[in-house]
């Protein structure tokens, strides 16, 4: 019984394929009018003119704007992160525009780096605008900056034991700095 069902199904499938092939041959054998476009020739010309004008005028402007936006991104990142060397990153971004984007990866990396050497030299790793934006007075020295940060932590409710440890470390740093200044004045 199963053999009978399988043979009937096979004959039915082969007939379907044969009918499909005959229909394909009939469509290919009887040529009909072929059109390359669904539009009229006049409308095709108008569309081609529009595409040409768009490609000649708007695409270059769009590419220039996109190029500019990509090359200004490191500057925006540095501004958002209050990078102290923001002006130098801005300059590098502009130079990158002049040199066709060759300096852009350097500006990108510079915007994301933390300026450790800057903090050692100037006592802070924030741009002066950071203090203005947050209404904090700009610190006179690195220790004053740390004292301001400790006061801000104290206002937030950080445990006193942690604050005392920070204050002890700060006093040790201040005493070393005072001893170093005393030596430099004597020498």
N, C-alpha and C. Protein backbone atom coordinates (compact mmCIF):
# COMPACT_ATOMS: atom_id res chain seq x y z
N UNK A 1 0.82 -1.18 0.00
CA UNK A 1 0.00 0.00 0.00
C UNK A 1 0.87 1.25 0.00
N UNK A 2 1.94 1.25 0.76
CA UNK A 2 2.84 2.38 0.80
C UNK A 2 3.49 2.61 -0.56
N UNK A 3 3.80 1.48 -1.30
CA UNK A 3 4.43 1.61 -2.60
C UNK A 3 3.50 2.32 -3.56
N UNK A 4 2.22 2.03 -3.46
CA UNK A 4 1.24 2.63 -4.35
C UNK A 4 1.16 4.15 -4.12
N UNK A 5 1.21 4.58 -2.83
CA UNK A 5 1.14 6.00 -2.50
C UNK A 5 2.40 6.72 -3.00
N UNK A 6 3.56 6.10 -2.81
CA UNK A 6 4.82 6.71 -3.23
C UNK A 6 4.87 6.85 -4.74
N UNK A 7 4.46 5.83 -5.47
CA UNK A 7 4.51 5.91 -6.94
C UNK A 7 3.52 6.95 -7.47
N UNK A 8 2.35 7.08 -6.85
CA UNK A 8 1.37 8.08 -7.26
C UNK A 8 1.91 9.49 -7.00
N UNK A 9 2.53 9.69 -5.86
CA UNK A 9 3.10 10.99 -5.52
C UNK A 9 4.24 11.34 -6.47
N UNK A 10 5.06 10.39 -6.82
CA UNK A 10 6.18 10.62 -7.73
C UNK A 10 5.66 11.01 -9.11
N UNK A 11 4.63 10.27 -9.61
CA UNK A 11 4.07 10.60 -10.92
C UNK A 11 3.44 11.99 -10.91
N UNK A 12 2.77 12.34 -9.84
CA UNK A 12 2.14 13.67 -9.74
C UNK A 12 3.21 14.78 -9.73
N UNK A 13 4.31 14.59 -8.99
CA UNK A 13 5.39 15.57 -8.92
C UNK A 13 6.06 15.72 -10.27
N UNK A 14 6.29 14.63 -10.96
CA UNK A 14 6.95 14.72 -12.27
C UNK A 14 6.05 15.42 -13.28
N UNK A 15 4.73 15.22 -13.20
CA UNK A 15 3.81 15.94 -14.09
C UNK A 15 3.83 17.44 -13.81
N UNK A 16 3.89 17.81 -12.55
CA UNK A 16 3.93 19.22 -12.19
C UNK A 16 5.19 19.88 -12.73
N UNK A 17 6.32 19.21 -12.61
CA UNK A 17 7.58 19.74 -13.13
C UNK A 17 7.51 19.86 -14.64
N UNK A 18 6.96 18.85 -15.32
CA UNK A 18 6.85 18.86 -16.78
C UNK A 18 5.96 20.02 -17.25
N UNK A 19 4.84 20.24 -16.58
CA UNK A 19 3.93 21.33 -16.94
C UNK A 19 4.64 22.68 -16.72
N UNK A 20 5.40 22.81 -15.66
CA UNK A 20 6.14 24.04 -15.38
C UNK A 20 7.19 24.32 -16.45
N UNK A 21 7.90 23.29 -16.87
CA UNK A 21 8.90 23.45 -17.93
C UNK A 21 8.25 23.84 -19.25
N UNK A 22 7.14 23.21 -19.59
CA UNK A 22 6.44 23.56 -20.83
C UNK A 22 5.95 25.00 -20.79
N UNK A 23 5.48 25.47 -19.66
CA UNK A 23 5.03 26.86 -19.53
C UNK A 23 6.20 27.81 -19.69
N UNK A 24 7.37 27.48 -19.13
CA UNK A 24 8.54 28.32 -19.27
C UNK A 24 9.00 28.39 -20.72
N UNK A 25 8.98 27.25 -21.43
CA UNK A 25 9.37 27.23 -22.84
C UNK A 25 8.39 28.06 -23.65
N UNK A 26 7.12 27.98 -23.38
CA UNK A 26 6.09 28.74 -24.10
C UNK A 26 6.31 30.25 -23.92
N UNK A 27 6.60 30.70 -22.69
CA UNK A 27 6.83 32.12 -22.42
C UNK A 27 8.07 32.61 -23.15
N UNK A 28 9.14 31.79 -23.18
CA UNK A 28 10.36 32.19 -23.86
C UNK A 28 10.22 32.13 -25.38
N UNK A 29 9.42 31.22 -25.89
CA UNK A 29 9.27 31.05 -27.34
C UNK A 29 8.38 32.12 -27.95
N UNK A 30 7.45 32.64 -27.21
CA UNK A 30 6.54 33.66 -27.74
C UNK A 30 7.01 35.03 -27.26
N UNK A 31 7.76 35.76 -28.12
CA UNK A 31 8.25 37.07 -27.68
C UNK A 31 7.11 38.08 -27.57
N UNK A 32 7.27 38.95 -26.61
CA UNK A 32 6.31 40.04 -26.43
C UNK A 32 7.09 41.34 -26.39
N UNK A 33 6.41 42.44 -26.32
CA UNK A 33 7.07 43.73 -26.29
C UNK A 33 7.80 43.88 -24.96
N UNK A 34 9.10 44.17 -25.04
CA UNK A 34 9.92 44.34 -23.84
C UNK A 34 10.18 45.82 -23.62
N UNK A 35 10.08 46.24 -22.38
CA UNK A 35 10.40 47.62 -22.05
C UNK A 35 11.49 47.62 -20.99
N UNK A 36 12.41 48.58 -21.11
CA UNK A 36 13.51 48.67 -20.17
C UNK A 36 13.11 49.43 -18.91
N UNK A 37 12.07 50.24 -19.02
CA UNK A 37 11.68 51.06 -17.89
C UNK A 37 10.17 51.16 -17.83
N UNK A 38 9.71 51.46 -16.64
CA UNK A 38 8.27 51.66 -16.47
C UNK A 38 7.88 53.11 -16.76
N UNK A 39 8.89 53.99 -16.94
CA UNK A 39 8.64 55.41 -17.15
C UNK A 39 8.66 55.76 -18.64
N UNK A 40 8.06 56.85 -18.96
CA UNK A 40 8.10 57.33 -20.35
C UNK A 40 9.48 57.93 -20.62
N UNK A 41 9.90 58.04 -21.89
CA UNK A 41 11.23 58.60 -22.18
C UNK A 41 11.42 60.02 -21.65
N UNK A 42 10.38 60.86 -21.70
CA UNK A 42 10.51 62.23 -21.19
C UNK A 42 10.72 62.23 -19.67
N UNK A 43 9.97 61.37 -18.99
CA UNK A 43 10.11 61.28 -17.54
C UNK A 43 11.47 60.69 -17.15
N UNK A 44 11.97 59.77 -17.96
CA UNK A 44 13.29 59.22 -17.70
C UNK A 44 14.36 60.30 -17.81
N UNK A 45 14.24 61.19 -18.81
CA UNK A 45 15.20 62.28 -18.96
C UNK A 45 15.15 63.23 -17.77
N UNK A 46 13.96 63.56 -17.31
CA UNK A 46 13.83 64.45 -16.15
C UNK A 46 14.45 63.81 -14.90
N UNK A 47 14.19 62.50 -14.71
CA UNK A 47 14.74 61.79 -13.57
C UNK A 47 16.26 61.73 -13.66
N UNK A 48 16.80 61.48 -14.85
CA UNK A 48 18.25 61.43 -15.03
C UNK A 48 18.87 62.79 -14.74
N UNK A 49 18.23 63.87 -15.16
CA UNK A 49 18.73 65.21 -14.87
C UNK A 49 18.73 65.49 -13.37
N UNK A 50 17.67 65.10 -12.69
CA UNK A 50 17.59 65.30 -11.24
C UNK A 50 18.70 64.52 -10.53
N UNK A 51 18.91 63.27 -10.92
CA UNK A 51 19.95 62.45 -10.29
C UNK A 51 21.33 63.06 -10.55
N UNK A 52 21.57 63.56 -11.76
CA UNK A 52 22.86 64.17 -12.09
C UNK A 52 23.10 65.42 -11.25
N UNK A 53 22.10 66.27 -11.13
CA UNK A 53 22.24 67.50 -10.33
C UNK A 53 22.49 67.13 -8.87
N UNK A 54 21.76 66.16 -8.36
CA UNK A 54 21.94 65.71 -6.98
C UNK A 54 23.35 65.18 -6.78
N UNK A 55 23.83 64.35 -7.71
CA UNK A 55 25.16 63.76 -7.58
C UNK A 55 26.27 64.80 -7.71
N UNK A 56 26.06 65.82 -8.53
CA UNK A 56 27.10 66.82 -8.76
C UNK A 56 27.16 67.89 -7.67
N UNK A 57 26.03 68.25 -7.09
CA UNK A 57 26.01 69.37 -6.14
C UNK A 57 25.79 68.94 -4.69
N UNK A 58 24.84 68.09 -4.43
CA UNK A 58 24.48 67.78 -3.05
C UNK A 58 25.35 66.70 -2.43
N UNK A 59 25.74 65.70 -3.18
CA UNK A 59 26.56 64.63 -2.62
C UNK A 59 27.92 65.17 -2.15
N UNK A 60 28.64 65.99 -2.95
CA UNK A 60 29.91 66.52 -2.42
C UNK A 60 29.73 67.36 -1.16
N UNK A 61 28.68 68.17 -1.10
CA UNK A 61 28.43 68.97 0.10
C UNK A 61 28.16 68.05 1.29
N UNK A 62 27.37 67.02 1.07
CA UNK A 62 27.07 66.06 2.13
C UNK A 62 28.35 65.37 2.61
N UNK A 63 29.21 64.98 1.68
CA UNK A 63 30.46 64.32 2.05
C UNK A 63 31.38 65.27 2.81
N UNK A 64 31.44 66.53 2.42
CA UNK A 64 32.27 67.50 3.13
C UNK A 64 31.76 67.70 4.55
N UNK A 65 30.46 67.82 4.70
CA UNK A 65 29.87 68.00 6.05
C UNK A 65 30.14 66.76 6.90
N UNK A 66 29.99 65.58 6.33
CA UNK A 66 30.25 64.35 7.07
C UNK A 66 31.72 64.26 7.47
N UNK A 67 32.62 64.61 6.55
CA UNK A 67 34.06 64.62 6.83
C UNK A 67 34.36 65.58 7.97
N UNK A 68 33.75 66.77 7.94
CA UNK A 68 33.95 67.77 8.99
C UNK A 68 33.45 67.24 10.34
N UNK A 69 32.26 66.67 10.35
CA UNK A 69 31.67 66.18 11.60
C UNK A 69 32.52 65.09 12.23
N UNK A 70 33.06 64.20 11.41
CA UNK A 70 33.89 63.12 11.93
C UNK A 70 35.19 63.68 12.51
N UNK A 71 35.74 64.70 11.86
CA UNK A 71 37.01 65.24 12.32
C UNK A 71 36.87 66.17 13.52
N UNK A 72 35.69 66.59 13.85
CA UNK A 72 35.47 67.43 15.01
C UNK A 72 35.09 66.58 16.24
N UNK A 73 34.83 65.31 16.03
CA UNK A 73 34.42 64.43 17.14
C UNK A 73 35.44 64.39 18.28
N UNK A 74 36.77 64.27 18.01
CA UNK A 74 37.70 64.26 19.15
C UNK A 74 37.62 65.54 19.97
N UNK A 75 37.39 66.67 19.31
CA UNK A 75 37.25 67.94 20.03
C UNK A 75 36.03 67.90 20.96
N UNK A 76 34.93 67.37 20.45
CA UNK A 76 33.72 67.28 21.27
C UNK A 76 33.92 66.32 22.44
N UNK A 77 34.62 65.23 22.20
CA UNK A 77 34.89 64.26 23.26
C UNK A 77 35.76 64.89 24.34
N UNK A 78 36.80 65.61 23.91
CA UNK A 78 37.69 66.27 24.88
C UNK A 78 36.94 67.32 25.68
N UNK A 79 36.03 68.04 25.03
CA UNK A 79 35.24 69.05 25.76
C UNK A 79 34.32 68.37 26.78
N UNK A 80 33.70 67.28 26.38
CA UNK A 80 32.79 66.57 27.28
C UNK A 80 33.53 65.99 28.49
N UNK A 81 34.75 65.55 28.27
CA UNK A 81 35.53 64.94 29.34
C UNK A 81 36.36 65.96 30.12
N UNK A 82 36.21 67.26 29.79
CA UNK A 82 36.94 68.35 30.45
C UNK A 82 38.45 68.12 30.38
N UNK A 83 38.90 67.74 29.21
CA UNK A 83 40.33 67.49 28.98
C UNK A 83 41.09 68.81 29.11
N UNK A 84 42.17 68.85 29.90
CA UNK A 84 42.88 70.12 30.08
C UNK A 84 43.61 70.60 28.83
N UNK A 85 43.86 69.72 27.88
CA UNK A 85 44.56 70.09 26.65
C UNK A 85 43.59 70.22 25.48
N UNK A 86 42.41 70.74 25.77
CA UNK A 86 41.35 70.87 24.77
C UNK A 86 41.79 71.71 23.58
N UNK A 87 42.45 72.82 23.83
CA UNK A 87 42.86 73.70 22.73
C UNK A 87 43.83 73.00 21.80
N UNK A 88 44.75 72.20 22.34
CA UNK A 88 45.70 71.47 21.51
C UNK A 88 44.98 70.41 20.68
N UNK A 89 43.97 69.76 21.25
CA UNK A 89 43.21 68.77 20.51
C UNK A 89 42.40 69.44 19.40
N UNK A 90 41.86 70.63 19.67
CA UNK A 90 41.15 71.39 18.63
C UNK A 90 42.09 71.70 17.47
N UNK A 91 43.29 72.14 17.80
CA UNK A 91 44.28 72.46 16.77
C UNK A 91 44.63 71.23 15.95
N UNK A 92 44.80 70.11 16.61
CA UNK A 92 45.12 68.87 15.89
C UNK A 92 43.97 68.45 14.99
N UNK A 93 42.75 68.67 15.42
CA UNK A 93 41.59 68.35 14.58
C UNK A 93 41.58 69.21 13.32
N UNK A 94 41.88 70.49 13.47
CA UNK A 94 41.93 71.38 12.30
C UNK A 94 43.07 71.00 11.37
N UNK A 95 44.21 70.66 11.94
CA UNK A 95 45.33 70.20 11.10
C UNK A 95 44.98 68.90 10.39
N UNK A 96 44.23 68.07 11.05
CA UNK A 96 43.81 66.82 10.42
C UNK A 96 42.94 67.08 9.21
N UNK A 97 42.10 68.11 9.29
CA UNK A 97 41.29 68.48 8.12
C UNK A 97 42.18 68.90 6.96
N UNK A 98 43.23 69.67 7.26
CA UNK A 98 44.14 70.14 6.22
C UNK A 98 44.91 68.98 5.59
N UNK A 99 45.33 68.03 6.41
CA UNK A 99 46.14 66.92 5.93
C UNK A 99 45.30 65.70 5.52
N UNK A 100 44.03 65.91 5.28
CA UNK A 100 43.19 64.83 4.75
C UNK A 100 42.86 63.73 5.73
N UNK A 101 42.90 64.01 7.01
CA UNK A 101 42.48 63.02 7.99
C UNK A 101 43.59 62.17 8.55
N UNK A 102 44.83 62.45 8.19
CA UNK A 102 45.92 61.61 8.68
C UNK A 102 46.17 61.76 10.17
N UNK A 103 45.88 62.92 10.72
CA UNK A 103 46.13 63.17 12.14
C UNK A 103 44.92 62.87 13.01
N UNK A 104 43.80 62.55 12.39
CA UNK A 104 42.57 62.33 13.13
C UNK A 104 42.67 61.21 14.17
N UNK A 105 43.28 60.05 13.84
CA UNK A 105 43.37 59.01 14.88
C UNK A 105 44.18 59.45 16.09
N UNK A 106 45.19 60.28 15.87
CA UNK A 106 45.98 60.77 17.01
C UNK A 106 45.12 61.68 17.89
N UNK A 107 44.33 62.55 17.27
CA UNK A 107 43.43 63.43 18.03
C UNK A 107 42.41 62.60 18.81
N UNK A 108 41.90 61.55 18.18
CA UNK A 108 40.92 60.67 18.83
C UNK A 108 41.53 60.03 20.07
N UNK A 109 42.73 59.47 19.94
CA UNK A 109 43.39 58.83 21.08
C UNK A 109 43.72 59.85 22.17
N UNK A 110 44.17 61.01 21.77
CA UNK A 110 44.53 62.05 22.72
C UNK A 110 43.30 62.50 23.51
N UNK A 111 42.16 62.57 22.87
CA UNK A 111 40.94 63.00 23.57
C UNK A 111 40.52 61.99 24.64
N UNK A 112 40.85 60.72 24.44
CA UNK A 112 40.46 59.69 25.40
C UNK A 112 41.52 59.40 26.46
N UNK A 113 42.72 59.95 26.31
CA UNK A 113 43.76 59.66 27.30
C UNK A 113 43.62 60.58 28.51
N UNK A 114 44.10 60.09 29.62
CA UNK A 114 44.11 60.89 30.84
C UNK A 114 45.49 61.53 30.93
N UNK A 115 45.56 62.85 30.99
CA UNK A 115 46.86 63.54 30.96
C UNK A 115 47.58 63.48 32.30
N UNK A 116 48.30 62.40 32.54
CA UNK A 116 48.99 62.21 33.81
C UNK A 116 50.09 63.25 33.98
N UNK A 117 50.88 63.48 32.93
CA UNK A 117 51.96 64.46 33.02
C UNK A 117 51.43 65.86 33.27
N UNK A 118 50.27 66.17 32.72
CA UNK A 118 49.67 67.48 32.92
C UNK A 118 49.31 67.68 34.39
N UNK A 119 48.78 66.62 35.00
CA UNK A 119 48.41 66.73 36.41
C UNK A 119 49.65 66.93 37.27
N UNK A 120 50.74 66.24 36.93
CA UNK A 120 51.97 66.43 37.69
C UNK A 120 52.50 67.85 37.55
N UNK A 121 52.37 68.42 36.36
CA UNK A 121 52.91 69.75 36.12
C UNK A 121 52.01 70.86 36.68
N UNK A 122 50.69 70.72 36.50
CA UNK A 122 49.78 71.81 36.84
C UNK A 122 48.88 71.52 38.04
N UNK A 123 48.92 70.30 38.56
CA UNK A 123 48.17 69.99 39.76
C UNK A 123 46.73 69.59 39.55
N UNK A 124 46.26 69.57 38.33
CA UNK A 124 44.88 69.15 38.06
C UNK A 124 44.84 68.48 36.69
N UNK A 125 43.86 67.64 36.52
CA UNK A 125 43.70 67.01 35.21
C UNK A 125 42.39 67.44 34.56
N UNK A 126 41.87 68.58 35.00
CA UNK A 126 40.64 69.14 34.45
C UNK A 126 40.91 70.45 33.73
N UNK A 127 40.12 70.71 32.74
CA UNK A 127 40.20 71.98 32.01
C UNK A 127 39.65 73.08 32.91
N UNK A 128 40.18 74.30 32.82
CA UNK A 128 39.67 75.39 33.68
C UNK A 128 38.16 75.61 33.55
N UNK A 129 37.59 75.30 32.40
CA UNK A 129 36.14 75.44 32.24
C UNK A 129 35.37 74.50 33.16
N UNK A 130 35.98 73.38 33.55
CA UNK A 130 35.32 72.42 34.44
C UNK A 130 34.95 73.10 35.74
N UNK A 131 35.87 73.87 36.29
CA UNK A 131 35.62 74.52 37.58
C UNK A 131 34.54 75.59 37.43
N UNK A 132 34.56 76.31 36.29
CA UNK A 132 33.54 77.34 36.05
C UNK A 132 32.16 76.72 35.89
N UNK A 133 32.09 75.62 35.15
CA UNK A 133 30.79 74.97 34.90
C UNK A 133 30.17 74.43 36.18
N UNK A 134 31.00 73.94 37.09
CA UNK A 134 30.49 73.35 38.32
C UNK A 134 30.45 74.33 39.49
N UNK A 135 30.82 75.58 39.23
CA UNK A 135 30.76 76.59 40.29
C UNK A 135 31.78 76.38 41.39
N UNK A 136 32.88 75.73 41.05
CA UNK A 136 33.93 75.45 42.04
C UNK A 136 35.08 76.42 41.76
N UNK A 137 35.64 77.03 42.78
CA UNK A 137 36.80 77.89 42.52
C UNK A 137 38.00 77.06 42.06
N UNK A 138 38.76 77.61 41.13
CA UNK A 138 39.92 76.89 40.61
C UNK A 138 40.96 76.76 41.72
N UNK A 139 41.50 75.57 41.94
CA UNK A 139 42.43 75.38 43.06
C UNK A 139 43.76 76.11 42.83
N UNK A 140 44.34 76.61 43.93
CA UNK A 140 45.61 77.30 43.84
C UNK A 140 46.76 76.30 43.75
N UNK A 141 46.57 75.13 44.36
CA UNK A 141 47.63 74.12 44.38
C UNK A 141 47.00 72.74 44.33
N UNK A 142 47.83 71.72 44.09
CA UNK A 142 47.27 70.36 44.08
C UNK A 142 46.66 69.96 45.42
N UNK A 143 47.26 70.40 46.51
CA UNK A 143 46.71 70.03 47.82
C UNK A 143 45.38 70.72 48.06
N UNK A 144 45.26 71.96 47.57
CA UNK A 144 43.97 72.65 47.72
C UNK A 144 42.89 71.94 46.92
N UNK A 145 43.27 71.43 45.76
CA UNK A 145 42.32 70.67 44.93
C UNK A 145 41.86 69.41 45.67
N UNK A 146 42.81 68.73 46.30
CA UNK A 146 42.46 67.50 47.03
C UNK A 146 41.57 67.84 48.23
N UNK A 147 41.87 68.95 48.89
CA UNK A 147 41.04 69.36 50.03
C UNK A 147 39.61 69.66 49.58
N UNK A 148 39.45 70.30 48.41
CA UNK A 148 38.11 70.57 47.88
C UNK A 148 37.38 69.25 47.59
N UNK A 149 38.09 68.30 47.04
CA UNK A 149 37.47 67.01 46.73
C UNK A 149 37.05 66.27 47.99
N UNK A 150 37.91 66.35 49.03
CA UNK A 150 37.57 65.71 50.31
C UNK A 150 36.33 66.37 50.90
N UNK A 151 36.24 67.69 50.81
CA UNK A 151 35.05 68.40 51.33
C UNK A 151 33.81 67.96 50.56
N UNK A 152 33.94 67.78 49.25
CA UNK A 152 32.80 67.33 48.46
C UNK A 152 32.39 65.91 48.86
N UNK A 153 33.37 65.06 49.15
CA UNK A 153 33.05 63.69 49.60
C UNK A 153 32.38 63.72 50.96
N UNK A 154 32.82 64.62 51.81
CA UNK A 154 32.24 64.74 53.14
C UNK A 154 30.77 65.14 53.05
N UNK A 155 30.46 66.04 52.09
CA UNK A 155 29.07 66.48 51.90
C UNK A 155 28.20 65.33 51.40
N UNK A 156 28.79 64.43 50.65
CA UNK A 156 28.02 63.29 50.11
C UNK A 156 27.76 62.21 51.15
N UNK A 157 28.47 62.28 52.27
CA UNK A 157 28.21 61.31 53.33
C UNK A 157 29.15 60.12 53.31
N UNK A 158 30.36 60.29 52.81
CA UNK A 158 31.35 59.22 52.83
C UNK A 158 31.76 58.98 54.27
N UNK A 159 31.98 57.73 54.67
CA UNK A 159 32.33 57.42 56.06
C UNK A 159 33.56 58.21 56.54
N UNK A 160 33.53 58.61 57.79
CA UNK A 160 34.58 59.44 58.38
C UNK A 160 35.93 58.72 58.38
N UNK A 161 35.93 57.40 58.54
CA UNK A 161 37.20 56.65 58.58
C UNK A 161 37.94 56.79 57.24
N UNK A 162 37.22 56.73 56.14
CA UNK A 162 37.86 56.89 54.82
C UNK A 162 38.37 58.32 54.64
N UNK A 163 37.59 59.29 55.08
CA UNK A 163 38.00 60.68 54.96
C UNK A 163 39.23 60.97 55.82
N UNK A 164 39.28 60.39 57.02
CA UNK A 164 40.45 60.59 57.89
C UNK A 164 41.71 60.01 57.26
N UNK A 165 41.59 58.86 56.60
CA UNK A 165 42.75 58.26 55.93
C UNK A 165 43.24 59.16 54.80
N UNK A 166 42.31 59.75 54.06
CA UNK A 166 42.69 60.66 52.97
C UNK A 166 43.36 61.91 53.54
N UNK A 167 42.80 62.42 54.63
CA UNK A 167 43.38 63.63 55.24
C UNK A 167 44.79 63.36 55.78
N UNK A 168 45.01 62.17 56.36
CA UNK A 168 46.33 61.80 56.87
C UNK A 168 47.33 61.75 55.72
N UNK A 169 46.93 61.12 54.62
CA UNK A 169 47.81 61.06 53.44
C UNK A 169 48.09 62.46 52.91
N UNK A 170 47.09 63.31 52.89
CA UNK A 170 47.26 64.67 52.40
C UNK A 170 48.23 65.46 53.28
N UNK A 171 48.13 65.30 54.59
CA UNK A 171 49.06 66.00 55.49
C UNK A 171 50.49 65.52 55.29
N UNK A 172 50.66 64.22 55.04
CA UNK A 172 52.00 63.69 54.79
C UNK A 172 52.57 64.27 53.50
N UNK A 173 51.75 64.41 52.47
CA UNK A 173 52.20 64.99 51.20
C UNK A 173 52.55 66.46 51.39
N UNK A 174 51.71 67.17 52.12
CA UNK A 174 51.98 68.58 52.36
C UNK A 174 53.28 68.79 53.13
N UNK A 175 53.55 67.92 54.13
CA UNK A 175 54.79 68.05 54.91
C UNK A 175 56.01 67.76 54.03
N UNK A 176 55.89 66.78 53.12
CA UNK A 176 56.99 66.50 52.20
C UNK A 176 57.22 67.68 51.26
N UNK A 177 56.12 68.27 50.77
CA UNK A 177 56.25 69.42 49.88
C UNK A 177 56.88 70.60 50.61
N UNK A 178 56.47 70.83 51.85
CA UNK A 178 57.04 71.94 52.64
C UNK A 178 58.52 71.70 52.89
N UNK A 179 58.90 70.46 53.18
CA UNK A 179 60.33 70.14 53.42
C UNK A 179 61.12 70.33 52.13
N UNK A 180 60.53 69.96 51.01
CA UNK A 180 61.20 70.13 49.71
C UNK A 180 61.39 71.59 49.35
N UNK A 181 60.41 72.44 49.65
CA UNK A 181 60.50 73.87 49.39
C UNK A 181 61.54 74.51 50.29
N UNK A 182 61.62 74.03 51.53
CA UNK A 182 62.61 74.56 52.46
C UNK A 182 64.02 74.23 51.98
N UNK A 183 64.22 73.05 51.46
CA UNK A 183 65.54 72.65 50.95
C UNK A 183 65.93 73.48 49.73
N UNK A 184 64.94 73.73 48.85
CA UNK A 184 65.25 74.48 47.64
C UNK A 184 65.58 75.94 47.94
N UNK A 185 64.99 76.49 48.99
CA UNK A 185 65.28 77.89 49.37
C UNK A 185 66.67 78.00 49.98
N UNK A 186 67.10 76.94 50.75
CA UNK A 186 68.40 76.95 51.39
C UNK A 186 69.49 76.77 50.33
N UNK A 187 69.24 75.85 49.36
CA UNK A 187 70.27 75.50 48.34
C UNK A 187 70.37 76.50 47.31
